[in-house]
């Protein structure tokens, strides 16, 4: 028994998705700036896939098949990791970032500022 034509439709579609989406799509290629800062883009990748078909009835012995397959890919930039002078910062692109996420992302910056004030106070003593 030969393989069903839907297998070929699905195989080609999945192979094309695999070509479009790889790990470098999610965590982008690092970008080196002249001052030594490294910027790494981070994206969200979503994809969907559908296929279907039907064997059509015929009066002769030839089998007729009708089918189709399709896929869609969405790539949404989310943030940038910025590595500069030994510090790593996450810069989110979302304007409507949820409050808990915004607070968590601000904690390292607030900690650094408080530490700087404490260190400054010790030096003045």
C-alpha atoms as a PDB file:
ATOM      1  CA  UNK A   1       0.000   0.000   0.000  1.00  0.00           C
ATOM      2  CA  UNK A   2       1.459   3.367  -0.983  1.00  0.00           C
ATOM      3  CA  UNK A   3       1.683   6.312   1.377  1.00  0.00           C
ATOM      4  CA  UNK A   4      -1.290   8.634   1.552  1.00  0.00           C
ATOM      5  CA  UNK A   5      -0.872  12.049  -0.198  1.00  0.00           C
ATOM      6  CA  UNK A   6      -1.738  13.939   3.019  1.00  0.00           C
ATOM      7  CA  UNK A   7       1.559  12.769   4.477  1.00  0.00           C
ATOM      8  CA  UNK A   8       3.436  14.646   1.744  1.00  0.00           C
ATOM      9  CA  UNK A   9       1.365  17.795   2.320  1.00  0.00           C
ATOM     10  CA  UNK A  10       2.060  17.733   6.044  1.00  0.00           C
ATOM     11  CA  UNK A  11       5.741  16.919   5.578  1.00  0.00           C
ATOM     12  CA  UNK A  12       6.382  19.836   3.238  1.00  0.00           C
ATOM     13  CA  UNK A  13       4.527  22.295   5.489  1.00  0.00           C
ATOM     14  CA  UNK A  14       6.373  21.200   8.610  1.00  0.00           C
ATOM     15  CA  UNK A  15       9.724  21.383   6.804  1.00  0.00           C
ATOM     16  CA  UNK A  16       9.010  24.967   5.713  1.00  0.00           C
ATOM     17  CA  UNK A  17       8.092  25.956   9.286  1.00  0.00           C
ATOM     18  CA  UNK A  18      11.327  24.403  10.501  1.00  0.00           C
ATOM     19  CA  UNK A  19      13.263  26.492   7.958  1.00  0.00           C
ATOM     20  CA  UNK A  20      11.571  29.715   9.109  1.00  0.00           C
ATOM     21  CA  UNK A  21      11.830  29.264  12.877  1.00  0.00           C
ATOM     22  CA  UNK A  22      15.065  28.375  14.621  1.00  0.00           C
ATOM     23  CA  UNK A  23      16.650  29.301  17.935  1.00  0.00           C
ATOM     24  CA  UNK A  24      18.183  32.449  16.401  1.00  0.00           C
ATOM     25  CA  UNK A  25      14.663  33.735  15.789  1.00  0.00           C
ATOM     26  CA  UNK A  26      13.839  33.656  19.510  1.00  0.00           C
ATOM     27  CA  UNK A  27      17.206  34.698  20.938  1.00  0.00           C
ATOM     28  CA  UNK A  28      18.662  36.864  18.207  1.00  0.00           C
ATOM     29  CA  UNK A  29      22.229  37.245  17.060  1.00  0.00           C
ATOM     30  CA  UNK A  30      24.167  39.473  19.493  1.00  0.00           C
ATOM     31  CA  UNK A  31      24.938  42.980  18.223  1.00  0.00           C
ATOM     32  CA  UNK A  32      28.281  44.468  19.321  1.00  0.00           C
ATOM     33  CA  UNK A  33      28.455  48.258  19.560  1.00  0.00           C
ATOM     34  CA  UNK A  34      31.732  50.204  19.224  1.00  0.00           C
ATOM     35  CA  UNK A  35      31.862  50.932  22.986  1.00  0.00           C
ATOM     36  CA  UNK A  36      31.746  47.192  23.817  1.00  0.00           C
ATOM     37  CA  UNK A  37      28.064  47.010  24.715  1.00  0.00           C
ATOM     38  CA  UNK A  38      26.368  43.817  23.515  1.00  0.00           C
ATOM     39  CA  UNK A  39      22.669  43.907  22.618  1.00  0.00           C
ATOM     40  CA  UNK A  40      20.748  40.641  22.271  1.00  0.00           C
ATOM     41  CA  UNK A  41      17.205  40.803  20.824  1.00  0.00           C
ATOM     42  CA  UNK A  42      14.546  38.490  22.308  1.00  0.00           C
ATOM     43  CA  UNK A  43      11.350  37.644  20.437  1.00  0.00           C
ATOM     44  CA  UNK A  44       8.205  35.616  20.936  1.00  0.00           C
ATOM     45  CA  UNK A  45       7.500  33.147  18.162  1.00  0.00           C
ATOM     46  CA  UNK A  46       4.054  31.618  17.657  1.00  0.00           C
ATOM     47  CA  UNK A  47       2.999  29.345  14.863  1.00  0.00           C
ATOM     48  CA  UNK A  48      -0.012  27.365  13.783  1.00  0.00           C
ATOM     49  CA  UNK A  49      -0.448  24.513  11.391  1.00  0.00           C
ATOM     50  CA  UNK A  50      -3.434  22.902   9.699  1.00  0.00           C
ATOM     51  CA  UNK A  51      -3.934  20.265   7.059  1.00  0.00           C
ATOM     52  CA  UNK A  52      -6.783  18.249   5.714  1.00  0.00           C
ATOM     53  CA  UNK A  53      -7.937  16.239   2.797  1.00  0.00           C
ATOM     54  CA  UNK A  54     -10.467  13.850   1.450  1.00  0.00           C
ATOM     55  CA  UNK A  55     -10.526  10.830  -0.774  1.00  0.00           C
ATOM     56  CA  UNK A  56     -13.077  11.519  -3.493  1.00  0.00           C
ATOM     57  CA  UNK A  57     -15.363   8.731  -4.663  1.00  0.00           C
ATOM     58  CA  UNK A  58     -14.918   7.699  -8.288  1.00  0.00           C
ATOM     59  CA  UNK A  59     -16.374   5.064 -10.581  1.00  0.00           C
ATOM     60  CA  UNK A  60     -12.983   4.051 -11.926  1.00  0.00           C
ATOM     61  CA  UNK A  61     -10.098   2.397 -10.084  1.00  0.00           C
ATOM     62  CA  UNK A  62      -7.974   5.564  -9.854  1.00  0.00           C
ATOM     63  CA  UNK A  63      -8.072   7.117  -6.431  1.00  0.00           C
ATOM     64  CA  UNK A  64      -8.702  10.858  -6.321  1.00  0.00           C
ATOM     65  CA  UNK A  65      -7.481  12.936  -3.450  1.00  0.00           C
ATOM     66  CA  UNK A  66      -8.060  16.597  -2.661  1.00  0.00           C
ATOM     67  CA  UNK A  67      -6.278  18.300   0.190  1.00  0.00           C
ATOM     68  CA  UNK A  68      -4.393  21.244   1.465  1.00  0.00           C
ATOM     69  CA  UNK A  69      -2.082  22.367   4.211  1.00  0.00           C
ATOM     70  CA  UNK A  70      -1.094  25.706   5.600  1.00  0.00           C
ATOM     71  CA  UNK A  71       0.886  27.339   8.340  1.00  0.00           C
ATOM     72  CA  UNK A  72       1.324  30.750   9.861  1.00  0.00           C
ATOM     73  CA  UNK A  73       4.148  32.244  11.886  1.00  0.00           C
ATOM     74  CA  UNK A  74       4.088  35.340  14.089  1.00  0.00           C
ATOM     75  CA  UNK A  75       7.287  36.913  15.408  1.00  0.00           C
ATOM     76  CA  UNK A  76       6.908  39.621  18.056  1.00  0.00           C
ATOM     77  CA  UNK A  77       9.933  41.455  19.471  1.00  0.00           C
ATOM     78  CA  UNK A  78       9.694  41.452  23.279  1.00  0.00           C
ATOM     79  CA  UNK A  79      12.888  42.804  24.785  1.00  0.00           C
ATOM     80  CA  UNK A  80      16.608  43.361  24.522  1.00  0.00           C
ATOM     81  CA  UNK A  81      19.296  42.035  26.844  1.00  0.00           C
ATOM     82  CA  UNK A  82      21.941  44.728  27.168  1.00  0.00           C
ATOM     83  CA  UNK A  83      25.371  43.743  28.517  1.00  0.00           C
ATOM     84  CA  UNK A  84      27.515  46.751  29.294  1.00  0.00           C
ATOM     85  CA  UNK A  85      30.473  47.149  31.666  1.00  0.00           C
ATOM     86  CA  UNK A  86      29.671  43.872  33.425  1.00  0.00           C
ATOM     87  CA  UNK A  87      26.019  44.812  33.985  1.00  0.00           C
ATOM     88  CA  UNK A  88      23.124  42.977  32.357  1.00  0.00           C
ATOM     89  CA  UNK A  89      19.801  44.765  31.874  1.00  0.00           C
ATOM     90  CA  UNK A  90      16.548  43.606  30.336  1.00  0.00           C
ATOM     91  CA  UNK A  91      14.854  46.352  28.322  1.00  0.00           C
ATOM     92  CA  UNK A  92      11.251  45.398  27.598  1.00  0.00           C
ATOM     93  CA  UNK A  93       9.589  46.804  24.513  1.00  0.00           C
ATOM     94  CA  UNK A  94       6.036  46.416  25.788  1.00  0.00           C
ATOM     95  CA  UNK A  95       4.451  49.732  26.688  1.00  0.00           C
ATOM     96  CA  UNK A  96       1.632  48.079  28.631  1.00  0.00           C
ATOM     97  CA  UNK A  97       3.858  45.870  30.779  1.00  0.00           C
ATOM     98  CA  UNK A  98       1.961  44.397  33.687  1.00  0.00           C
ATOM     99  CA  UNK A  99       2.702  45.944  37.075  1.00  0.00           C
ATOM    100  CA  UNK A 100       4.272  42.804  38.636  1.00  0.00           C
ATOM    101  CA  UNK A 101       6.635  42.434  35.667  1.00  0.00           C
ATOM    102  CA  UNK A 102       7.574  46.104  35.821  1.00  0.00           C
ATOM    103  CA  UNK A 103       8.319  45.849  39.557  1.00  0.00           C
ATOM    104  CA  UNK A 104      10.457  42.731  39.123  1.00  0.00           C
ATOM    105  CA  UNK A 105      12.426  44.405  36.336  1.00  0.00           C
ATOM    106  CA  UNK A 106      13.036  47.518  38.453  1.00  0.00           C
ATOM    107  CA  UNK A 107      14.341  45.621  41.514  1.00  0.00           C
ATOM    108  CA  UNK A 108      17.971  45.314  40.285  1.00  0.00           C
ATOM    109  CA  UNK A 109      18.084  48.999  39.336  1.00  0.00           C
ATOM    110  CA  UNK A 110      16.649  50.099  42.705  1.00  0.00           C
ATOM    111  CA  UNK A 111      19.060  47.789  44.523  1.00  0.00           C
ATOM    112  CA  UNK A 112      22.010  49.290  42.624  1.00  0.00           C
ATOM    113  CA  UNK A 113      20.916  52.832  43.521  1.00  0.00           C
ATOM    114  CA  UNK A 114      20.444  51.991  47.207  1.00  0.00           C
ATOM    115  CA  UNK A 115      23.827  50.236  47.259  1.00  0.00           C
ATOM    116  CA  UNK A 116      25.395  53.316  45.649  1.00  0.00           C
ATOM    117  CA  UNK A 117      23.870  55.579  48.318  1.00  0.00           C
ATOM    118  CA  UNK A 118      25.095  53.298  51.101  1.00  0.00           C
ATOM    119  CA  UNK A 119      28.584  53.185  49.626  1.00  0.00           C
ATOM    120  CA  UNK A 120      28.570  56.973  49.252  1.00  0.00           C
ATOM    121  CA  UNK A 121      27.528  57.356  52.908  1.00  0.00           C
ATOM    122  CA  UNK A 122      30.363  55.098  54.085  1.00  0.00           C
ATOM    123  CA  UNK A 123      32.932  57.088  52.108  1.00  0.00           C
ATOM    124  CA  UNK A 124      31.782  60.372  53.668  1.00  0.00           C
ATOM    125  CA  UNK A 125      32.217  58.985  57.213  1.00  0.00           C
END
